[in-house]
């Protein structure tokens, strides 16, 4: 069995952002040379997420409204966590959107369903954060 590991780094200009990272993950798969196996992709920060869904702008706006209803950023004093930091909402949003995805690799390609893409979700941005790509297989 072969193994591959790479970190992808992101630094968004906004507090929240959704970035389609499928091309970067596919580049990792090509670099790995693995044709059959599994790919793990996970956010290495507690206020960021990696998830799979459709790359559709209306859906992205729906995510923003949905997440803000469940865990609004303000007022900051509504959260016990906020004291030293003001990012309790980002921790909650990450919990909702998830930490990682696992994708099957078949014949050297990500084995996606229709319209599936991998996204990096940033909920407390404006600083460098990383995503781990780990691939195992043959």
Protein backbone atom coordinates (compact mmCIF):
# COMPACT_ATOMS: atom_id res chain seq x y z
CA UNK A 1 0.00 0.00 0.00
CA UNK A 2 1.21 3.51 -0.83
CA UNK A 3 0.62 6.69 1.13
CA UNK A 4 0.63 10.39 0.17
CA UNK A 5 0.26 13.49 2.35
CA UNK A 6 0.04 17.18 1.44
CA UNK A 7 -1.16 20.34 3.15
CA UNK A 8 -3.13 22.96 1.23
CA UNK A 9 -3.05 26.48 2.70
CA UNK A 10 -5.79 29.10 2.51
CA UNK A 11 -6.00 32.71 3.67
CA UNK A 12 -9.34 34.32 2.90
CA UNK A 13 -9.86 38.08 2.75
CA UNK A 14 -13.25 37.72 4.45
CA UNK A 15 -14.41 36.18 7.73
CA UNK A 16 -16.50 33.58 5.89
CA UNK A 17 -15.93 31.98 2.51
CA UNK A 18 -16.70 28.82 0.56
CA UNK A 19 -13.94 27.72 -1.82
CA UNK A 20 -14.18 24.88 -4.32
CA UNK A 21 -10.93 22.99 -3.73
CA UNK A 22 -11.68 20.07 -6.05
CA UNK A 23 -8.98 21.08 -8.59
CA UNK A 24 -6.30 21.25 -5.88
CA UNK A 25 -7.38 17.88 -4.47
CA UNK A 26 -7.36 16.34 -7.96
CA UNK A 27 -3.81 17.67 -8.41
CA UNK A 28 -2.85 15.90 -5.19
CA UNK A 29 -4.32 12.67 -6.51
CA UNK A 30 -2.31 13.00 -9.74
CA UNK A 31 0.88 13.71 -7.74
CA UNK A 32 0.27 10.64 -5.59
CA UNK A 33 0.13 8.21 -8.52
CA UNK A 34 -2.47 6.19 -6.62
CA UNK A 35 -5.10 4.58 -8.87
CA UNK A 36 -7.26 2.67 -6.36
CA UNK A 37 -7.79 3.65 -2.74
CA UNK A 38 -9.21 6.30 -0.46
CA UNK A 39 -8.64 10.04 -0.12
CA UNK A 40 -9.17 11.87 3.16
CA UNK A 41 -9.44 15.64 3.06
CA UNK A 42 -9.88 17.48 6.36
CA UNK A 43 -9.68 20.96 7.80
CA UNK A 44 -6.86 21.30 10.32
CA UNK A 45 -8.54 24.20 12.16
CA UNK A 46 -11.54 24.11 14.48
CA UNK A 47 -13.26 27.05 12.74
CA UNK A 48 -13.04 25.68 9.19
CA UNK A 49 -14.74 22.84 7.37
CA UNK A 50 -14.35 20.50 4.42
CA UNK A 51 -17.54 19.16 2.86
CA UNK A 52 -18.99 17.86 -0.41
CA UNK A 53 -21.86 19.44 -2.27
CA UNK A 54 -22.86 21.19 -5.50
CA UNK A 55 -20.94 24.25 -6.74
CA UNK A 56 -23.96 26.49 -7.25
CA UNK A 57 -23.97 30.15 -6.18
CA UNK A 58 -27.59 30.11 -4.96
CA UNK A 59 -26.81 27.16 -2.73
CA UNK A 60 -23.77 29.02 -1.36
CA UNK A 61 -25.98 31.98 -0.41
CA UNK A 62 -28.43 29.52 1.17
CA UNK A 63 -25.61 28.10 3.31
CA UNK A 64 -24.76 31.59 4.55
CA UNK A 65 -28.37 32.35 5.53
CA UNK A 66 -28.90 28.89 7.06
CA UNK A 67 -25.71 29.02 9.13
CA UNK A 68 -26.36 32.59 10.29
CA UNK A 69 -29.83 31.57 11.49
CA UNK A 70 -28.42 28.63 13.46
CA UNK A 71 -25.29 30.36 14.80
CA UNK A 72 -25.36 34.12 14.18
CA UNK A 73 -22.02 35.91 14.42
CA UNK A 74 -23.45 38.81 16.45
CA UNK A 75 -24.12 39.82 19.12
CA UNK A 76 -20.82 38.40 20.35
CA UNK A 77 -21.95 38.38 23.98
CA UNK A 78 -24.62 35.73 23.29
CA UNK A 79 -21.88 33.07 23.51
CA UNK A 80 -20.07 31.92 26.65
CA UNK A 81 -16.98 31.12 24.56
CA UNK A 82 -16.58 34.72 23.43
CA UNK A 83 -14.35 36.61 25.79
CA UNK A 84 -10.81 36.44 24.56
CA UNK A 85 -12.08 35.69 21.03
CA UNK A 86 -15.23 36.51 19.08
CA UNK A 87 -15.51 33.31 17.07
CA UNK A 88 -17.92 31.03 18.92
CA UNK A 89 -20.24 31.14 15.91
CA UNK A 90 -17.40 29.84 13.70
CA UNK A 91 -16.90 26.83 15.97
CA UNK A 92 -20.61 26.02 15.76
CA UNK A 93 -20.75 26.50 11.98
CA UNK A 94 -17.83 24.10 11.57
CA UNK A 95 -19.63 21.50 13.67
CA UNK A 96 -22.68 21.78 11.41
CA UNK A 97 -20.72 21.61 8.13
CA UNK A 98 -18.31 18.89 9.22
CA UNK A 99 -14.59 18.35 9.53
CA UNK A 100 -13.67 16.06 6.64
CA UNK A 101 -14.62 14.04 3.61
CA UNK A 102 -13.49 10.64 2.42
CA UNK A 103 -13.69 9.94 -1.31
CA UNK A 104 -13.11 6.63 -3.08
CA UNK A 105 -10.46 6.59 -5.79
CA UNK A 106 -11.27 4.46 -8.80
CA UNK A 107 -9.07 4.19 -11.87
CA UNK A 108 -7.05 7.23 -10.74
CA UNK A 109 -10.06 9.54 -10.35
CA UNK A 110 -12.19 10.80 -7.48
CA UNK A 111 -15.29 8.59 -7.53
CA UNK A 112 -17.92 11.34 -7.19
CA UNK A 113 -21.67 11.30 -7.59
CA UNK A 114 -23.33 13.72 -9.98
CA UNK A 115 -22.45 17.38 -9.25
CA UNK A 116 -20.29 16.52 -6.21
CA UNK A 117 -17.37 18.85 -5.50
CA UNK A 118 -15.11 19.32 -2.46
CA UNK A 119 -15.31 22.63 -0.60
CA UNK A 120 -13.29 24.40 2.03
CA UNK A 121 -15.60 26.35 4.34
CA UNK A 122 -14.00 29.23 6.23
CA UNK A 123 -15.94 30.65 9.18
CA UNK A 124 -13.26 32.75 10.95
CA UNK A 125 -10.91 33.85 8.18
CA UNK A 126 -8.36 36.52 7.43
CA UNK A 127 -5.48 34.27 8.49
CA UNK A 128 -3.64 31.25 7.13
CA UNK A 129 -5.24 27.87 7.69
CA UNK A 130 -4.51 24.44 6.29
CA UNK A 131 -6.30 21.46 4.88
CA UNK A 132 -4.77 17.99 4.96
CA UNK A 133 -5.00 15.67 1.97
CA UNK A 134 -4.08 12.07 2.81
CA UNK A 135 -4.30 9.36 0.18
CA UNK A 136 -3.77 5.64 0.67
CA UNK A 137 -3.97 2.87 -1.88
CA UNK A 138 -2.21 1.30 -4.83
